[in-house]
N, C-alpha and C. Protein backbone atom coordinates (compact mmCIF):
# COMPACT_ATOMS: atom_id res chain seq x y z
N MET A 1 7.74 -11.42 33.45
CA MET A 1 6.97 -10.32 32.91
C MET A 1 5.54 -10.36 33.48
N ARG A 2 5.09 -9.24 34.00
CA ARG A 2 3.72 -9.15 34.49
C ARG A 2 2.76 -9.21 33.32
N HIS A 3 1.60 -9.73 33.57
CA HIS A 3 0.53 -9.79 32.57
C HIS A 3 0.87 -10.66 31.36
N GLU A 4 1.77 -11.62 31.58
CA GLU A 4 2.18 -12.50 30.47
C GLU A 4 1.00 -13.29 29.92
N GLN A 5 0.12 -13.75 30.81
CA GLN A 5 -1.04 -14.53 30.37
C GLN A 5 -1.96 -13.68 29.48
N THR A 6 -2.16 -12.44 29.86
CA THR A 6 -2.99 -11.54 29.06
C THR A 6 -2.33 -11.30 27.71
N ARG A 7 -1.02 -11.07 27.71
CA ARG A 7 -0.29 -10.82 26.46
C ARG A 7 -0.42 -12.00 25.51
N LYS A 8 -0.45 -13.20 26.05
CA LYS A 8 -0.59 -14.39 25.21
C LYS A 8 -2.01 -14.54 24.69
N ALA A 9 -2.99 -14.05 25.44
CA ALA A 9 -4.39 -14.19 25.04
C ALA A 9 -4.82 -13.16 24.00
N LEU A 10 -4.16 -12.02 23.97
CA LEU A 10 -4.58 -10.94 23.08
C LEU A 10 -4.53 -11.32 21.59
N PRO A 11 -3.50 -12.02 21.12
CA PRO A 11 -3.49 -12.37 19.69
C PRO A 11 -4.68 -13.22 19.26
N SER A 12 -5.15 -14.12 20.10
CA SER A 12 -6.31 -14.94 19.70
C SER A 12 -7.58 -14.08 19.66
N GLU A 13 -7.70 -13.14 20.59
CA GLU A 13 -8.85 -12.23 20.56
C GLU A 13 -8.80 -11.36 19.31
N ARG A 14 -7.60 -10.92 18.98
CA ARG A 14 -7.42 -10.11 17.77
C ARG A 14 -7.78 -10.92 16.53
N ALA A 15 -7.34 -12.16 16.49
CA ALA A 15 -7.62 -13.04 15.34
C ALA A 15 -9.12 -13.26 15.17
N LYS A 16 -9.85 -13.38 16.27
CA LYS A 16 -11.30 -13.54 16.20
C LYS A 16 -11.95 -12.32 15.55
N LEU A 17 -11.51 -11.15 15.96
CA LEU A 17 -12.06 -9.92 15.40
C LEU A 17 -11.72 -9.79 13.92
N ILE A 18 -10.49 -10.12 13.56
CA ILE A 18 -10.08 -10.05 12.16
C ILE A 18 -10.91 -11.04 11.34
N GLY A 19 -11.18 -12.21 11.90
CA GLY A 19 -12.02 -13.19 11.23
C GLY A 19 -13.43 -12.66 11.00
N GLN A 20 -13.96 -11.96 11.99
CA GLN A 20 -15.29 -11.36 11.84
C GLN A 20 -15.28 -10.28 10.75
N LEU A 21 -14.21 -9.49 10.72
CA LEU A 21 -14.10 -8.47 9.68
C LEU A 21 -14.05 -9.12 8.30
N GLU A 22 -13.29 -10.19 8.19
CA GLU A 22 -13.17 -10.88 6.90
C GLU A 22 -14.51 -11.45 6.46
N LYS A 23 -15.28 -12.00 7.40
CA LYS A 23 -16.61 -12.53 7.07
C LYS A 23 -17.54 -11.42 6.56
N LEU A 24 -17.34 -10.22 7.05
CA LEU A 24 -18.14 -9.09 6.60
C LEU A 24 -17.68 -8.58 5.23
N GLY A 25 -16.49 -9.03 4.79
CA GLY A 25 -15.94 -8.53 3.54
C GLY A 25 -15.09 -7.30 3.74
N ALA A 26 -14.52 -7.16 4.94
CA ALA A 26 -13.70 -6.00 5.25
C ALA A 26 -12.24 -6.42 5.41
N THR A 27 -11.37 -5.45 5.24
CA THR A 27 -9.95 -5.67 5.45
C THR A 27 -9.65 -5.59 6.95
N GLU A 28 -8.42 -5.87 7.30
CA GLU A 28 -8.01 -5.83 8.70
C GLU A 28 -8.17 -4.44 9.32
N ASP A 29 -8.09 -3.41 8.51
CA ASP A 29 -8.25 -2.05 9.04
C ASP A 29 -9.69 -1.53 8.95
N GLY A 30 -10.65 -2.46 8.73
CA GLY A 30 -12.06 -2.11 8.79
C GLY A 30 -12.66 -1.56 7.51
N GLU A 31 -11.89 -1.50 6.44
CA GLU A 31 -12.41 -0.99 5.17
C GLU A 31 -13.09 -2.13 4.40
N LEU A 32 -14.25 -1.85 3.82
CA LEU A 32 -14.92 -2.86 3.01
C LEU A 32 -14.13 -3.09 1.73
N LYS A 33 -14.01 -4.35 1.37
CA LYS A 33 -13.30 -4.71 0.14
C LYS A 33 -14.17 -4.39 -1.07
N ALA A 34 -13.53 -4.07 -2.16
CA ALA A 34 -14.25 -3.83 -3.41
C ALA A 34 -14.77 -5.16 -3.93
N GLY A 35 -15.83 -5.10 -4.69
CA GLY A 35 -16.34 -6.30 -5.33
C GLY A 35 -16.94 -7.31 -4.38
N LEU A 36 -17.75 -6.86 -3.44
CA LEU A 36 -18.40 -7.77 -2.51
C LEU A 36 -19.50 -8.59 -3.16
N GLY A 37 -19.86 -8.22 -4.36
CA GLY A 37 -20.90 -8.96 -5.07
C GLY A 37 -22.31 -8.63 -4.61
N LEU A 38 -22.47 -7.51 -3.94
CA LEU A 38 -23.79 -7.13 -3.46
C LEU A 38 -24.75 -6.83 -4.61
N ASP A 39 -24.20 -6.35 -5.72
CA ASP A 39 -25.05 -6.03 -6.88
C ASP A 39 -25.79 -7.27 -7.38
N LYS A 40 -25.19 -8.43 -7.22
CA LYS A 40 -25.80 -9.67 -7.69
C LYS A 40 -26.90 -10.16 -6.75
N GLU A 41 -26.77 -9.79 -5.46
CA GLU A 41 -27.73 -10.27 -4.45
C GLU A 41 -28.99 -9.42 -4.37
N PHE A 42 -28.89 -8.16 -4.75
CA PHE A 42 -30.02 -7.25 -4.59
C PHE A 42 -30.42 -6.66 -5.94
N ALA A 43 -31.73 -6.49 -6.12
CA ALA A 43 -32.26 -6.03 -7.40
C ALA A 43 -32.07 -4.54 -7.63
N ASP A 44 -32.10 -3.74 -6.57
CA ASP A 44 -31.99 -2.30 -6.80
C ASP A 44 -30.83 -1.69 -6.03
N ALA A 45 -30.43 -0.52 -6.50
CA ALA A 45 -29.28 0.17 -5.91
C ALA A 45 -29.54 0.58 -4.47
N GLY A 46 -30.79 0.90 -4.14
CA GLY A 46 -31.11 1.28 -2.76
C GLY A 46 -30.85 0.16 -1.79
N ALA A 47 -31.21 -1.05 -2.15
CA ALA A 47 -30.98 -2.21 -1.27
C ALA A 47 -29.48 -2.47 -1.13
N VAL A 48 -28.74 -2.28 -2.20
CA VAL A 48 -27.28 -2.45 -2.14
C VAL A 48 -26.68 -1.44 -1.17
N THR A 49 -27.14 -0.20 -1.27
CA THR A 49 -26.64 0.85 -0.39
C THR A 49 -26.95 0.55 1.07
N VAL A 50 -28.15 0.09 1.34
CA VAL A 50 -28.54 -0.25 2.72
C VAL A 50 -27.66 -1.38 3.24
N GLU A 51 -27.47 -2.42 2.46
CA GLU A 51 -26.66 -3.56 2.90
C GLU A 51 -25.20 -3.15 3.10
N ARG A 52 -24.67 -2.35 2.18
CA ARG A 52 -23.29 -1.88 2.29
C ARG A 52 -23.12 -1.02 3.55
N THR A 53 -24.12 -0.17 3.83
CA THR A 53 -24.07 0.68 5.02
C THR A 53 -24.11 -0.17 6.29
N LYS A 54 -24.91 -1.21 6.27
CA LYS A 54 -24.99 -2.12 7.42
C LYS A 54 -23.63 -2.82 7.65
N LEU A 55 -23.04 -3.31 6.57
CA LEU A 55 -21.74 -3.98 6.69
C LEU A 55 -20.67 -3.02 7.17
N LEU A 56 -20.70 -1.81 6.65
CA LEU A 56 -19.73 -0.80 7.06
C LEU A 56 -19.89 -0.46 8.54
N GLY A 57 -21.13 -0.36 9.00
CA GLY A 57 -21.37 -0.09 10.42
C GLY A 57 -20.83 -1.19 11.31
N LEU A 58 -21.02 -2.44 10.90
CA LEU A 58 -20.48 -3.55 11.67
C LEU A 58 -18.96 -3.53 11.68
N ALA A 59 -18.37 -3.28 10.52
CA ALA A 59 -16.90 -3.21 10.45
C ALA A 59 -16.38 -2.05 11.29
N ASP A 60 -17.10 -0.93 11.25
CA ASP A 60 -16.70 0.24 12.06
C ASP A 60 -16.76 -0.03 13.55
N SER A 61 -17.60 -0.97 13.97
CA SER A 61 -17.68 -1.29 15.39
C SER A 61 -16.61 -2.31 15.79
N LEU A 62 -16.16 -3.12 14.85
CA LEU A 62 -15.14 -4.13 15.16
C LEU A 62 -13.72 -3.56 15.14
N TYR A 63 -13.44 -2.69 14.18
CA TYR A 63 -12.08 -2.19 14.04
C TYR A 63 -11.54 -1.48 15.30
N PRO A 64 -12.33 -0.63 15.97
CA PRO A 64 -11.80 -0.02 17.20
C PRO A 64 -11.42 -1.06 18.27
N GLN A 65 -12.11 -2.20 18.26
CA GLN A 65 -11.76 -3.26 19.21
C GLN A 65 -10.39 -3.84 18.88
N VAL A 66 -10.09 -3.96 17.59
CA VAL A 66 -8.76 -4.42 17.17
C VAL A 66 -7.71 -3.43 17.64
N GLN A 67 -8.00 -2.15 17.46
CA GLN A 67 -7.06 -1.10 17.88
C GLN A 67 -6.82 -1.15 19.40
N LYS A 68 -7.87 -1.40 20.18
CA LYS A 68 -7.72 -1.48 21.63
C LYS A 68 -6.85 -2.67 22.02
N ILE A 69 -7.03 -3.78 21.34
CA ILE A 69 -6.20 -4.95 21.62
C ILE A 69 -4.74 -4.65 21.30
N ASP A 70 -4.51 -4.01 20.16
CA ASP A 70 -3.14 -3.63 19.79
C ASP A 70 -2.53 -2.68 20.82
N ALA A 71 -3.34 -1.72 21.27
CA ALA A 71 -2.85 -0.76 22.28
C ALA A 71 -2.57 -1.44 23.61
N ALA A 72 -3.40 -2.41 23.98
CA ALA A 72 -3.17 -3.15 25.22
C ALA A 72 -1.87 -3.94 25.13
N ALA A 73 -1.61 -4.55 23.98
CA ALA A 73 -0.37 -5.30 23.79
C ALA A 73 0.84 -4.38 23.92
N VAL A 74 0.75 -3.20 23.35
CA VAL A 74 1.84 -2.23 23.46
C VAL A 74 2.02 -1.81 24.92
N SER A 75 0.92 -1.58 25.62
CA SER A 75 1.04 -1.14 27.02
C SER A 75 1.65 -2.24 27.89
N ILE A 76 1.38 -3.50 27.56
CA ILE A 76 2.03 -4.60 28.30
C ILE A 76 3.53 -4.57 28.01
N ASP A 77 3.88 -4.41 26.75
CA ASP A 77 5.29 -4.36 26.37
C ASP A 77 6.01 -3.19 27.02
N GLU A 78 5.31 -2.08 27.20
CA GLU A 78 5.89 -0.88 27.81
C GLU A 78 5.75 -0.87 29.33
N ASP A 79 5.18 -1.93 29.88
CA ASP A 79 4.97 -2.09 31.32
C ASP A 79 4.07 -1.00 31.92
N SER A 80 3.11 -0.53 31.12
CA SER A 80 2.14 0.43 31.64
C SER A 80 0.75 -0.17 31.68
N TYR A 81 0.62 -1.44 31.35
CA TYR A 81 -0.67 -2.11 31.35
C TYR A 81 -1.23 -2.14 32.76
N GLY A 82 -2.51 -1.84 32.87
CA GLY A 82 -3.17 -1.83 34.18
C GLY A 82 -3.21 -0.46 34.81
N THR A 83 -2.63 0.52 34.12
CA THR A 83 -2.67 1.91 34.58
C THR A 83 -3.55 2.68 33.62
N CYS A 84 -4.52 3.41 34.15
CA CYS A 84 -5.45 4.17 33.31
C CYS A 84 -4.68 5.17 32.46
N ALA A 85 -4.94 5.14 31.16
CA ALA A 85 -4.27 6.04 30.22
C ALA A 85 -4.71 7.48 30.39
N SER A 86 -5.82 7.71 31.10
CA SER A 86 -6.32 9.06 31.28
C SER A 86 -5.89 9.67 32.62
N CYS A 87 -6.20 8.98 33.71
CA CYS A 87 -5.94 9.56 35.04
C CYS A 87 -4.68 9.02 35.71
N GLY A 88 -4.15 7.91 35.21
CA GLY A 88 -2.94 7.35 35.79
C GLY A 88 -3.15 6.43 36.98
N GLU A 89 -4.41 6.25 37.39
CA GLU A 89 -4.71 5.36 38.51
C GLU A 89 -4.70 3.91 38.03
N ALA A 90 -4.57 3.00 38.98
CA ALA A 90 -4.59 1.57 38.64
C ALA A 90 -5.99 1.15 38.20
N ILE A 91 -6.03 0.34 37.16
CA ILE A 91 -7.29 -0.24 36.70
C ILE A 91 -7.51 -1.49 37.54
N PRO A 92 -8.67 -1.64 38.16
CA PRO A 92 -8.91 -2.81 39.00
C PRO A 92 -8.71 -4.12 38.23
N PRO A 93 -8.08 -5.10 38.88
CA PRO A 93 -7.85 -6.40 38.22
C PRO A 93 -9.11 -7.04 37.67
N ALA A 94 -10.24 -6.87 38.35
CA ALA A 94 -11.49 -7.46 37.87
C ALA A 94 -11.88 -6.87 36.51
N ARG A 95 -11.65 -5.58 36.34
CA ARG A 95 -11.95 -4.96 35.04
C ARG A 95 -11.03 -5.50 33.96
N LEU A 96 -9.75 -5.64 34.29
CA LEU A 96 -8.80 -6.16 33.30
C LEU A 96 -9.12 -7.61 32.95
N GLU A 97 -9.60 -8.35 33.93
CA GLU A 97 -9.96 -9.74 33.67
C GLU A 97 -11.18 -9.81 32.75
N ALA A 98 -12.14 -8.94 33.00
CA ALA A 98 -13.36 -8.93 32.19
C ALA A 98 -13.12 -8.34 30.80
N ARG A 99 -12.29 -7.32 30.73
CA ARG A 99 -11.98 -6.63 29.47
C ARG A 99 -10.48 -6.41 29.39
N PRO A 100 -9.75 -7.41 28.92
CA PRO A 100 -8.28 -7.30 28.88
C PRO A 100 -7.76 -6.14 28.05
N SER A 101 -8.57 -5.64 27.13
CA SER A 101 -8.11 -4.53 26.30
C SER A 101 -8.39 -3.17 26.92
N SER A 102 -8.87 -3.14 28.16
CA SER A 102 -9.19 -1.87 28.82
C SER A 102 -7.94 -1.05 29.05
N LEU A 103 -8.00 0.19 28.61
CA LEU A 103 -6.91 1.13 28.86
C LEU A 103 -7.33 2.25 29.79
N LEU A 104 -8.64 2.25 30.14
CA LEU A 104 -9.18 3.27 31.02
C LEU A 104 -9.86 2.62 32.22
N CYS A 105 -9.79 3.30 33.36
CA CYS A 105 -10.54 2.82 34.53
C CYS A 105 -12.02 3.10 34.28
N VAL A 106 -12.86 2.55 35.11
CA VAL A 106 -14.30 2.71 34.92
C VAL A 106 -14.71 4.18 34.99
N ALA A 107 -14.15 4.92 35.94
CA ALA A 107 -14.52 6.33 36.09
C ALA A 107 -14.19 7.13 34.84
N CYS A 108 -13.01 6.93 34.28
CA CYS A 108 -12.62 7.68 33.08
C CYS A 108 -13.41 7.21 31.87
N LYS A 109 -13.68 5.93 31.76
CA LYS A 109 -14.47 5.40 30.64
C LYS A 109 -15.90 5.97 30.71
N THR A 110 -16.45 6.07 31.91
CA THR A 110 -17.80 6.59 32.10
C THR A 110 -17.89 8.07 31.75
N ASN A 111 -16.83 8.82 32.03
CA ASN A 111 -16.83 10.25 31.79
C ASN A 111 -16.54 10.64 30.36
N ARG A 112 -16.28 9.68 29.49
CA ARG A 112 -15.98 10.00 28.08
C ARG A 112 -17.21 10.22 27.30
């Protein structure tokens, strides 16, 4: 199977992201868990809202990375990994090495 090494590496990258989400108090799908205890840490509701918004923003930036890793794993399984999902051209190996979850070539990623 082509890209077997990448396929084996993706679960550990995914686990790291999930661990980061958990540290933020978010679920695997990027939603903040109820009862984070922020009310106990901050004296006023405004500070709680700011902190919750900050945590949500961080979770919102991590979850799409999880989705990209999942999509890359599917593309390996479907033998389409390394082909740009937008234009159909080959994604350069250097890009895949640097960003294994890349589903777009540089040109298509730049034009988005």
